[in-house]
Structure formats: C-alpha cells, structure tokens
Amino acid sequence: MGALKPWHIAVLVVVLVLLFGAKRLPDAARSLGRSLRIIKAETKGLVDDDNDLAEKADAQHGRQPLPPAQAQNTQPPSASIVDPVQRVHDK
C-alpha cells in the first residue's frame, strides 16, 4: 500500500494505449483540456455573478427611507369606499 511508483505509471500508460489506441489518446487529452478550461471559465463566471449580486445587495441596503409625508386633513381612503350591495339597498 505504498506510494505510486514509476513502474505503476508505466503500466497504466501501456494499458491506456492498448485500450484506446495511440491515435485516440491525444484527441482525448485535447478534449479533456478543453472541458477543463470551460469548467474553469464557468465557475469563474459564477463567482463573478455572486460578487455582483452581493454588491447590488449592499447598495440597496444602504438606501435611506423616504421622509414621512405631512399629515393632511382628508378623509381616510376607507371612508370613500362604498359597498355596491349597500348602495343598492340604500336606493
């Protein structure tokens, strides 16, 4: 159960060449590299999006509430609302 030795790597390379062939291994390595680059770019994009959202949340958190409006001597809105059924019965 020791560490990975050089002959272990050599056996692994021989098995891979026998399984996939010498022509397909460079293509597989190239496509693996492209996939890793895409994954790296996408994860970086997700981190950037998270940072943008955090900045927007901080900016919204820093807003001040509007000052209260001055009191006016008008009737509350509920007094002007009349129930349609009540209106028919009153006539």
PDB file of N, CA and C in Angstrom:
ATOM      1  N   MET A   1       0.823  -1.193   0.000  1.00  0.00           N
ATOM      2  CA  MET A   1       0.000   0.000   0.000  1.00  0.00           C
ATOM      3  C   MET A   1       0.860   1.247   0.000  1.00  0.00           C
ATOM      4  N   GLY A   2       2.000   1.191  -0.607  1.00  0.00           N
ATOM      5  CA  GLY A   2       2.919   2.325  -0.621  1.00  0.00           C
ATOM      6  C   GLY A   2       2.501   3.373  -1.631  1.00  0.00           C
ATOM      7  N   ALA A   3       3.401   4.267  -1.879  1.00  0.00           N
ATOM      8  CA  ALA A   3       3.151   5.376  -2.796  1.00  0.00           C
ATOM      9  C   ALA A   3       3.174   4.877  -4.244  1.00  0.00           C
ATOM     10  N   LEU A   4       2.776   5.735  -5.135  1.00  0.00           N
ATOM     11  CA  LEU A   4       2.760   5.430  -6.560  1.00  0.00           C
ATOM     12  C   LEU A   4       4.200   5.411  -7.078  1.00  0.00           C
ATOM     13  N   LYS A   5       4.595   4.313  -7.639  1.00  0.00           N
ATOM     14  CA  LYS A   5       5.967   4.155  -8.113  1.00  0.00           C
ATOM     15  C   LYS A   5       6.015   4.359  -9.626  1.00  0.00           C
ATOM     16  N   PRO A   6       7.194   4.633 -10.184  1.00  0.00           N
ATOM     17  CA  PRO A   6       7.311   4.877 -11.629  1.00  0.00           C
ATOM     18  C   PRO A   6       6.822   3.708 -12.478  1.00  0.00           C
ATOM     19  N   TRP A   7       7.022   2.486 -12.043  1.00  0.00           N
ATOM     20  CA  TRP A   7       6.574   1.364 -12.854  1.00  0.00           C
ATOM     21  C   TRP A   7       5.051   1.257 -12.852  1.00  0.00           C
ATOM     22  N   HIS A   8       4.370   1.770 -11.803  1.00  0.00           N
ATOM     23  CA  HIS A   8       2.906   1.807 -11.801  1.00  0.00           C
ATOM     24  C   HIS A   8       2.400   2.719 -12.923  1.00  0.00           C
ATOM     25  N   ILE A   9       3.060   3.865 -13.070  1.00  0.00           N
ATOM     26  CA  ILE A   9       2.674   4.817 -14.115  1.00  0.00           C
ATOM     27  C   ILE A   9       2.909   4.209 -15.488  1.00  0.00           C
ATOM     28  N   ALA A  10       4.033   3.500 -15.665  1.00  0.00           N
ATOM     29  CA  ALA A  10       4.340   2.870 -16.950  1.00  0.00           C
ATOM     30  C   ALA A  10       3.286   1.829 -17.301  1.00  0.00           C
ATOM     31  N   VAL A  11       2.883   1.021 -16.338  1.00  0.00           N
ATOM     32  CA  VAL A  11       1.851   0.002 -16.597  1.00  0.00           C
ATOM     33  C   VAL A  11       0.534   0.674 -16.965  1.00  0.00           C
ATOM     34  N   LEU A  12       0.190   1.750 -16.288  1.00  0.00           N
ATOM     35  CA  LEU A  12      -1.038   2.475 -16.579  1.00  0.00           C
ATOM     36  C   LEU A  12      -1.020   3.038 -18.003  1.00  0.00           C
ATOM     37  N   VAL A  13       0.106   3.606 -18.420  1.00  0.00           N
ATOM     38  CA  VAL A  13       0.227   4.146 -19.779  1.00  0.00           C
ATOM     39  C   VAL A  13       0.089   3.040 -20.812  1.00  0.00           C
ATOM     40  N   VAL A  14       0.715   1.893 -20.592  1.00  0.00           N
ATOM     41  CA  VAL A  14       0.620   0.763 -21.526  1.00  0.00           C
ATOM     42  C   VAL A  14      -0.832   0.290 -21.634  1.00  0.00           C
ATOM     43  N   VAL A  15      -1.526   0.192 -20.515  1.00  0.00           N
ATOM     44  CA  VAL A  15      -2.926  -0.256 -20.540  1.00  0.00           C
ATOM     45  C   VAL A  15      -3.790   0.746 -21.301  1.00  0.00           C
ATOM     46  N   LEU A  16      -3.574   2.034 -21.080  1.00  0.00           N
ATOM     47  CA  LEU A  16      -4.342   3.048 -21.802  1.00  0.00           C
ATOM     48  C   LEU A  16      -4.094   2.994 -23.302  1.00  0.00           C
ATOM     49  N   VAL A  17      -2.847   2.818 -23.696  1.00  0.00           N
ATOM     50  CA  VAL A  17      -2.522   2.732 -25.123  1.00  0.00           C
ATOM     51  C   VAL A  17      -3.167   1.495 -25.733  1.00  0.00           C
ATOM     52  N   LEU A  18      -3.162   0.380 -25.017  1.00  0.00           N
ATOM     53  CA  LEU A  18      -3.786  -0.835 -25.537  1.00  0.00           C
ATOM     54  C   LEU A  18      -5.316  -0.685 -25.629  1.00  0.00           C
ATOM     55  N   LEU A  19      -5.911  -0.043 -24.669  1.00  0.00           N
ATOM     56  CA  LEU A  19      -7.365   0.099 -24.672  1.00  0.00           C
ATOM     57  C   LEU A  19      -7.861   1.093 -25.726  1.00  0.00           C
ATOM     58  N   PHE A  20      -7.233   2.255 -25.801  1.00  0.00           N
ATOM     59  CA  PHE A  20      -7.753   3.313 -26.660  1.00  0.00           C
ATOM     60  C   PHE A  20      -6.990   3.501 -27.960  1.00  0.00           C
ATOM     61  N   GLY A  21      -5.805   3.023 -28.053  1.00  0.00           N
ATOM     62  CA  GLY A  21      -5.010   3.205 -29.259  1.00  0.00           C
ATOM     63  C   GLY A  21      -4.218   4.500 -29.207  1.00  0.00           C
ATOM     64  N   ALA A  22      -3.100   4.519 -29.905  1.00  0.00           N
ATOM     65  CA  ALA A  22      -2.190   5.663 -29.861  1.00  0.00           C
ATOM     66  C   ALA A  22      -2.779   6.883 -30.572  1.00  0.00           C
ATOM     67  N   LYS A  23      -3.659   6.679 -31.546  1.00  0.00           N
ATOM     68  CA  LYS A  23      -4.220   7.798 -32.282  1.00  0.00           C
ATOM     69  C   LYS A  23      -5.290   8.538 -31.478  1.00  0.00           C
ATOM     70  N   ARG A  24      -6.034   7.829 -30.668  1.00  0.00           N
ATOM     71  CA  ARG A  24      -7.145   8.453 -29.952  1.00  0.00           C
ATOM     72  C   ARG A  24      -6.731   9.123 -28.639  1.00  0.00           C
ATOM     73  N   LEU A  25      -5.595   8.754 -28.089  1.00  0.00           N
ATOM     74  CA  LEU A  25      -5.172   9.345 -26.812  1.00  0.00           C
ATOM     75  C   LEU A  25      -4.907  10.849 -26.895  1.00  0.00           C
ATOM     76  N   PRO A  26      -4.212  11.374 -27.923  1.00  0.00           N
ATOM     77  CA  PRO A  26      -4.021  12.836 -27.987  1.00  0.00           C
ATOM     78  C   PRO A  26      -5.342  13.595 -28.138  1.00  0.00           C
ATOM     79  N   ASP A  27      -6.263  13.039 -28.924  1.00  0.00           N
ATOM     80  CA  ASP A  27      -7.569  13.680 -29.073  1.00  0.00           C
ATOM     81  C   ASP A  27      -8.335  13.682 -27.752  1.00  0.00           C
ATOM     82  N   ALA A  28      -8.245  12.593 -27.014  1.00  0.00           N
ATOM     83  CA  ALA A  28      -8.925  12.518 -25.724  1.00  0.00           C
ATOM     84  C   ALA A  28      -8.318  13.515 -24.740  1.00  0.00           C
ATOM     85  N   ALA A  29      -7.002  13.629 -24.745  1.00  0.00           N
ATOM     86  CA  ALA A  29      -6.342  14.584 -23.851  1.00  0.00           C
ATOM     87  C   ALA A  29      -6.705  16.020 -24.225  1.00  0.00           C
ATOM     88  N   ARG A  30      -6.774  16.295 -25.534  1.00  0.00           N
ATOM     89  CA  ARG A  30      -7.140  17.635 -26.001  1.00  0.00           C
ATOM     90  C   ARG A  30      -8.570  17.989 -25.589  1.00  0.00           C
ATOM     91  N   SER A  31      -9.490  17.058 -25.760  1.00  0.00           N
ATOM     92  CA  SER A  31     -10.880  17.335 -25.390  1.00  0.00           C
ATOM     93  C   SER A  31     -11.033  17.464 -23.870  1.00  0.00           C
ATOM     94  N   LEU A  32     -10.230  16.703 -23.130  1.00  0.00           N
ATOM     95  CA  LEU A  32     -10.256  16.836 -21.670  1.00  0.00           C
ATOM     96  C   LEU A  32      -9.759  18.217 -21.248  1.00  0.00           C
ATOM     97  N   GLY A  33      -8.711  18.709 -21.898  1.00  0.00           N
ATOM     98  CA  GLY A  33      -8.188  20.046 -21.610  1.00  0.00           C
ATOM     99  C   GLY A  33      -9.211  21.129 -21.920  1.00  0.00           C
ATOM    100  N   ARG A  34      -9.918  20.993 -23.060  1.00  0.00           N
ATOM    101  CA  ARG A  34     -10.963  21.963 -23.403  1.00  0.00           C
ATOM    102  C   ARG A  34     -12.069  21.952 -22.369  1.00  0.00           C
ATOM    103  N   SER A  35     -12.466  20.768 -21.956  1.00  0.00           N
ATOM    104  CA  SER A  35     -13.536  20.653 -20.957  1.00  0.00           C
ATOM    105  C   SER A  35     -13.138  21.309 -19.645  1.00  0.00           C
ATOM    106  N   LEU A  36     -11.891  21.101 -19.237  1.00  0.00           N
ATOM    107  CA  LEU A  36     -11.429  21.717 -18.000  1.00  0.00           C
ATOM    108  C   LEU A  36     -11.388  23.243 -18.110  1.00  0.00           C
ATOM    109  N   ARG A  37     -10.997  23.768 -19.284  1.00  0.00           N
ATOM    110  CA  ARG A  37     -10.998  25.216 -19.487  1.00  0.00           C
ATOM    111  C   ARG A  37     -12.412  25.781 -19.431  1.00  0.00           C
ATOM    112  N   ILE A  38     -13.363  25.076 -20.021  1.00  0.00           N
ATOM    113  CA  ILE A  38     -14.761  25.518 -19.994  1.00  0.00           C
ATOM    114  C   ILE A  38     -15.280  25.525 -18.567  1.00  0.00           C
ATOM    115  N   ILE A  39     -14.991  24.474 -17.813  1.00  0.00           N
ATOM    116  CA  ILE A  39     -15.440  24.400 -16.423  1.00  0.00           C
ATOM    117  C   ILE A  39     -14.830  25.533 -15.607  1.00  0.00           C
ATOM    118  N   LYS A  40     -13.554  25.816 -15.832  1.00  0.00           N
ATOM    119  CA  LYS A  40     -12.877  26.891 -15.107  1.00  0.00           C
ATOM    120  C   LYS A  40     -13.519  28.239 -15.430  1.00  0.00           C
ATOM    121  N   ALA A  41     -13.823  28.482 -16.701  1.00  0.00           N
ATOM    122  CA  ALA A  41     -14.438  29.741 -17.103  1.00  0.00           C
ATOM    123  C   ALA A  41     -15.839  29.882 -16.510  1.00  0.00           C
ATOM    124  N   GLU A  42     -16.605  28.798 -16.503  1.00  0.00           N
ATOM    125  CA  GLU A  42     -17.963  28.850 -15.960  1.00  0.00           C
ATOM    126  C   GLU A  42     -17.958  29.077 -14.454  1.00  0.00           C
ATOM    127  N   THR A  43     -17.063  28.421 -13.737  1.00  0.00           N
ATOM    128  CA  THR A  43     -17.018  28.628 -12.287  1.00  0.00           C
ATOM    129  C   THR A  43     -16.563  30.047 -11.959  1.00  0.00           C
ATOM    130  N   LYS A  44     -15.644  30.586 -12.762  1.00  0.00           N
ATOM    131  CA  LYS A  44     -15.228  31.970 -12.555  1.00  0.00           C
ATOM    132  C   LYS A  44     -16.393  32.909 -12.820  1.00  0.00           C
ATOM    133  N   GLY A  45     -17.189  32.610 -13.846  1.00  0.00           N
ATOM    134  CA  GLY A  45     -18.368  33.416 -14.138  1.00  0.00           C
ATOM    135  C   GLY A  45     -19.378  33.367 -13.002  1.00  0.00           C
ATOM    136  N   LEU A  46     -19.557  32.194 -12.394  1.00  0.00           N
ATOM    137  CA  LEU A  46     -20.488  32.082 -11.268  1.00  0.00           C
ATOM    138  C   LEU A  46     -20.004  32.893 -10.070  1.00  0.00           C
ATOM    139  N   VAL A  47     -18.708  32.855  -9.810  1.00  0.00           N
ATOM    140  CA  VAL A  47     -18.156  33.630  -8.692  1.00  0.00           C
ATOM    141  C   VAL A  47     -18.324  35.118  -8.957  1.00  0.00           C
ATOM    142  N   ASP A  48     -18.086  35.547 -10.205  1.00  0.00           N
ATOM    143  CA  ASP A  48     -18.256  36.960 -10.555  1.00  0.00           C
ATOM    144  C   ASP A  48     -19.719  37.375 -10.394  1.00  0.00           C
ATOM    145  N   ASP A  49     -20.665  36.507 -10.806  1.00  0.00           N
ATOM    146  CA  ASP A  49     -22.080  36.811 -10.648  1.00  0.00           C
ATOM    147  C   ASP A  49     -22.450  36.941  -9.176  1.00  0.00           C
ATOM    148  N   ASP A  50     -21.903  36.064  -8.339  1.00  0.00           N
ATOM    149  CA  ASP A  50     -22.177  36.140  -6.908  1.00  0.00           C
ATOM    150  C   ASP A  50     -21.645  37.442  -6.321  1.00  0.00           C
ATOM    151  N   ASN A  51     -20.461  37.864  -6.771  1.00  0.00           N
ATOM    152  CA  ASN A  51     -19.895  39.127  -6.282  1.00  0.00           C
ATOM    153  C   ASN A  51     -20.752  40.306  -6.720  1.00  0.00           C
ATOM    154  N   ASP A  52     -21.253  40.277  -7.970  1.00  0.00           N
ATOM    155  CA  ASP A  52     -22.109  41.352  -8.459  1.00  0.00           C
ATOM    156  C   ASP A  52     -23.401  41.429  -7.649  1.00  0.00           C
ATOM    157  N   LEU A  53     -23.984  40.267  -7.350  1.00  0.00           N
ATOM    158  CA  LEU A  53     -25.213  40.251  -6.562  1.00  0.00           C
ATOM    159  C   LEU A  53     -24.974  40.779  -5.155  1.00  0.00           C
ATOM    160  N   ALA A  54     -23.837  40.440  -4.580  1.00  0.00           N
ATOM    161  CA  ALA A  54     -23.519  40.916  -3.236  1.00  0.00           C
ATOM    162  C   ALA A  54     -23.346  42.435  -3.241  1.00  0.00           C
ATOM    163  N   GLU A  55     -22.712  42.980  -4.284  1.00  0.00           N
ATOM    164  CA  GLU A  55     -22.538  44.422  -4.376  1.00  0.00           C
ATOM    165  C   GLU A  55     -23.881  45.122  -4.528  1.00  0.00           C
ATOM    166  N   LYS A  56     -24.782  44.543  -5.329  1.00  0.00           N
ATOM    167  CA  LYS A  56     -26.107  45.143  -5.507  1.00  0.00           C
ATOM    168  C   LYS A  56     -26.893  45.095  -4.201  1.00  0.00           C
ATOM    169  N   ALA A  57     -26.780  44.001  -3.479  1.00  0.00           N
ATOM    170  CA  ALA A  57     -27.494  43.888  -2.207  1.00  0.00           C
ATOM    171  C   ALA A  57     -26.959  44.904  -1.208  1.00  0.00           C
ATOM    172  N   ASP A  58     -25.659  45.107  -1.179  1.00  0.00           N
ATOM    173  CA  ASP A  58     -25.082  46.100  -0.276  1.00  0.00           C
ATOM    174  C   ASP A  58     -25.533  47.506  -0.652  1.00  0.00           C
ATOM    175  N   ALA A  59     -25.610  47.786  -1.945  1.00  0.00           N
ATOM    176  CA  ALA A  59     -26.029  49.104  -2.395  1.00  0.00           C
ATOM    177  C   ALA A  59     -27.487  49.361  -2.018  1.00  0.00           C
ATOM    178  N   GLN A  60     -28.346  48.352  -2.134  1.00  0.00           N
ATOM    179  CA  GLN A  60     -29.742  48.532  -1.777  1.00  0.00           C
ATOM    180  C   GLN A  60     -29.908  48.647  -0.267  1.00  0.00           C
ATOM    181  N   HIS A  61     -29.078  47.960   0.468  1.00  0.00           N
ATOM    182  CA  HIS A  61     -29.168  48.001   1.929  1.00  0.00           C
ATOM    183  C   HIS A  61     -28.815  49.382   2.455  1.00  0.00           C
ATOM    184  N   GLY A  62     -27.993  50.126   1.742  1.00  0.00           N
ATOM    185  CA  GLY A  62     -27.543  51.422   2.194  1.00  0.00           C
ATOM    186  C   GLY A  62     -28.520  52.553   1.909  1.00  0.00           C
ATOM    187  N   ARG A  63     -29.633  52.276   1.252  1.00  0.00           N
ATOM    188  CA  ARG A  63     -30.599  53.330   0.941  1.00  0.00           C
ATOM    189  C   ARG A  63     -31.315  53.796   2.195  1.00  0.00           C
ATOM    190  N   GLN A  64     -31.697  55.068   2.182  1.00  0.00           N
ATOM    191  CA  GLN A  64     -32.422  55.658   3.302  1.00  0.00           C
ATOM    192  C   GLN A  64     -33.912  55.659   2.973  1.00  0.00           C
ATOM    193  N   PRO A  65     -34.773  55.472   3.976  1.00  0.00           N
ATOM    194  CA  PRO A  65     -36.211  55.511   3.706  1.00  0.00           C
ATOM    195  C   PRO A  65     -36.655  56.934   3.392  1.00  0.00           C
ATOM    196  N   LEU A  66     -37.764  57.037   2.693  1.00  0.00           N
ATOM    197  CA  LEU A  66     -38.303  58.341   2.364  1.00  0.00           C
ATOM    198  C   LEU A  66     -38.812  59.024   3.631  1.00  0.00           C
ATOM    199  N   PRO A  67     -38.742  60.348   3.684  1.00  0.00           N
ATOM    200  CA  PRO A  67     -39.270  61.045   4.868  1.00  0.00           C
ATOM    201  C   PRO A  67     -40.786  60.911   4.893  1.00  0.00           C
ATOM    202  N   PRO A  68     -41.390  60.894   6.079  1.00  0.00           N
ATOM    203  CA  PRO A  68     -42.845  60.745   6.152  1.00  0.00           C
ATOM    204  C   PRO A  68     -43.535  61.971   5.571  1.00  0.00           C
ATOM    205  N   ALA A  69     -44.667  61.740   4.896  1.00  0.00           N
ATOM    206  CA  ALA A  69     -45.423  62.835   4.294  1.00  0.00           C
ATOM    207  C   ALA A  69     -46.145  63.612   5.390  1.00  0.00           C
ATOM    208  N   GLN A  70     -46.384  64.881   5.141  1.00  0.00           N
ATOM    209  CA  GLN A  70     -47.085  65.697   6.124  1.00  0.00           C
ATOM    210  C   GLN A  70     -48.546  65.275   6.177  1.00  0.00           C
ATOM    211  N   ALA A  71     -49.104  65.294   7.356  1.00  0.00           N
ATOM    212  CA  ALA A  71     -50.487  64.879   7.548  1.00  0.00           C
ATOM    213  C   ALA A  71     -51.416  65.903   6.918  1.00  0.00           C
ATOM    214  N   GLN A  72     -52.393  65.418   6.157  1.00  0.00           N
ATOM    215  CA  GLN A  72     -53.372  66.286   5.526  1.00  0.00           C
ATOM    216  C   GLN A  72     -54.729  66.010   6.157  1.00  0.00           C
ATOM    217  N   ASN A  73     -55.602  66.998   6.190  1.00  0.00           N
ATOM    218  CA  ASN A  73     -56.915  66.849   6.790  1.00  0.00           C
ATOM    219  C   ASN A  73     -57.900  66.331   5.737  1.00  0.00           C
ATOM    220  N   THR A  74     -57.723  65.123   5.345  1.00  0.00           N
ATOM    221  CA  THR A  74     -58.633  64.495   4.395  1.00  0.00           C
ATOM    222  C   THR A  74     -59.190  63.238   5.026  1.00  0.00           C
ATOM    223  N   GLN A  75     -60.242  62.745   4.437  1.00  0.00           N
ATOM    224  CA  GLN A  75     -60.848  61.526   4.951  1.00  0.00           C
ATOM    225  C   GLN A  75     -59.959  60.346   4.592  1.00  0.00           C
ATOM    226  N   PRO A  76     -59.928  59.347   5.441  1.00  0.00           N
ATOM    227  CA  PRO A  76     -59.158  58.161   5.092  1.00  0.00           C
ATOM    228  C   PRO A  76     -59.769  57.486   3.873  1.00  0.00           C
ATOM    229  N   PRO A  77     -58.971  56.764   3.109  1.00  0.00           N
ATOM    230  CA  PRO A  77     -59.469  56.138   1.887  1.00  0.00           C
ATOM    231  C   PRO A  77     -60.600  55.152   2.148  1.00  0.00           C
ATOM    232  N   SER A  78     -60.637  54.538   3.327  1.00  0.00           N
ATOM    233  CA  SER A  78     -61.679  53.549   3.600  1.00  0.00           C
ATOM    234  C   SER A  78     -63.047  54.199   3.702  1.00  0.00           C
ATOM    235  N   ALA A  79     -63.130  55.491   4.052  1.00  0.00           N
ATOM    236  CA  ALA A  79     -64.410  56.169   4.172  1.00  0.00           C
ATOM    237  C   ALA A  79     -65.019  56.435   2.804  1.00  0.00           C
ATOM    238  N   SER A  80     -64.233  56.566   1.779  1.00  0.00           N
ATOM    239  CA  SER A  80     -64.766  56.850   0.453  1.00  0.00           C
ATOM    240  C   SER A  80     -65.174  55.592  -0.293  1.00  0.00           C
ATOM    241  N   ILE A  81     -64.829  54.418   0.184  1.00  0.00           N
ATOM    242  CA  ILE A  81     -65.182  53.165  -0.475  1.00  0.00           C
ATOM    243  C   ILE A  81     -66.562  52.756   0.001  1.00  0.00           C
ATOM    244  N   VAL A  82     -67.442  52.503  -0.967  1.00  0.00           N
ATOM    245  CA  VAL A  82     -68.810  52.117  -0.642  1.00  0.00           C
ATOM    246  C   VAL A  82     -69.058  50.721  -1.182  1.00  0.00           C
ATOM    247  N   ASP A  83     -69.687  49.908  -0.375  1.00  0.00           N
ATOM    248  CA  ASP A  83     -70.020  48.552  -0.783  1.00  0.00           C
ATOM    249  C   ASP A  83     -71.131  48.609  -1.827  1.00  0.00           C
ATOM    250  N   PRO A  84     -70.986  47.957  -2.994  1.00  0.00           N
ATOM    251  CA  PRO A  84     -72.019  48.026  -4.037  1.00  0.00           C
ATOM    252  C   PRO A  84     -73.367  47.468  -3.558  1.00  0.00           C
ATOM    253  N   VAL A  85     -73.363  46.458  -2.737  1.00  0.00           N
ATOM    254  CA  VAL A  85     -74.611  45.890  -2.239  1.00  0.00           C
ATOM    255  C   VAL A  85     -75.288  46.909  -1.330  1.00  0.00           C
ATOM    256  N   GLN A  86     -74.522  47.602  -0.506  1.00  0.00           N
ATOM    257  CA  GLN A  86     -75.058  48.624   0.386  1.00  0.00           C
ATOM    258  C   GLN A  86     -75.684  49.754  -0.441  1.00  0.00           C
ATOM    259  N   ARG A  87     -75.041  50.134  -1.532  1.00  0.00           N
ATOM    260  CA  ARG A  87     -75.542  51.206  -2.372  1.00  0.00           C
ATOM    261  C   ARG A  87     -76.901  50.848  -2.975  1.00  0.00           C
ATOM    262  N   VAL A  88     -77.091  49.586  -3.417  1.00  0.00           N
ATOM    263  CA  VAL A  88     -78.363  49.155  -3.996  1.00  0.00           C
ATOM    264  C   VAL A  88     -79.458  49.167  -2.947  1.00  0.00           C
ATOM    265  N   HIS A  89     -79.171  48.758  -1.737  1.00  0.00           N
ATOM    266  CA  HIS A  89     -80.171  48.707  -0.665  1.00  0.00           C
ATOM    267  C   HIS A  89     -80.553  50.119  -0.203  1.00  0.00           C
ATOM    268  N   ASP A  90     -79.633  51.094  -0.296  1.00  0.00           N
ATOM    269  CA  ASP A  90     -79.921  52.451   0.127  1.00  0.00           C
ATOM    270  C   ASP A  90     -80.878  53.153  -0.835  1.00  0.00           C
ATOM    271  N   LYS A  91     -80.927  52.772  -2.082  1.00  0.00           N
ATOM    272  CA  LYS A  91     -81.775  53.431  -3.078  1.00  0.00           C
ATOM    273  C   LYS A  91     -83.149  52.957  -3.007  1.00  0.00           C
TER     274      LYS A  91
END
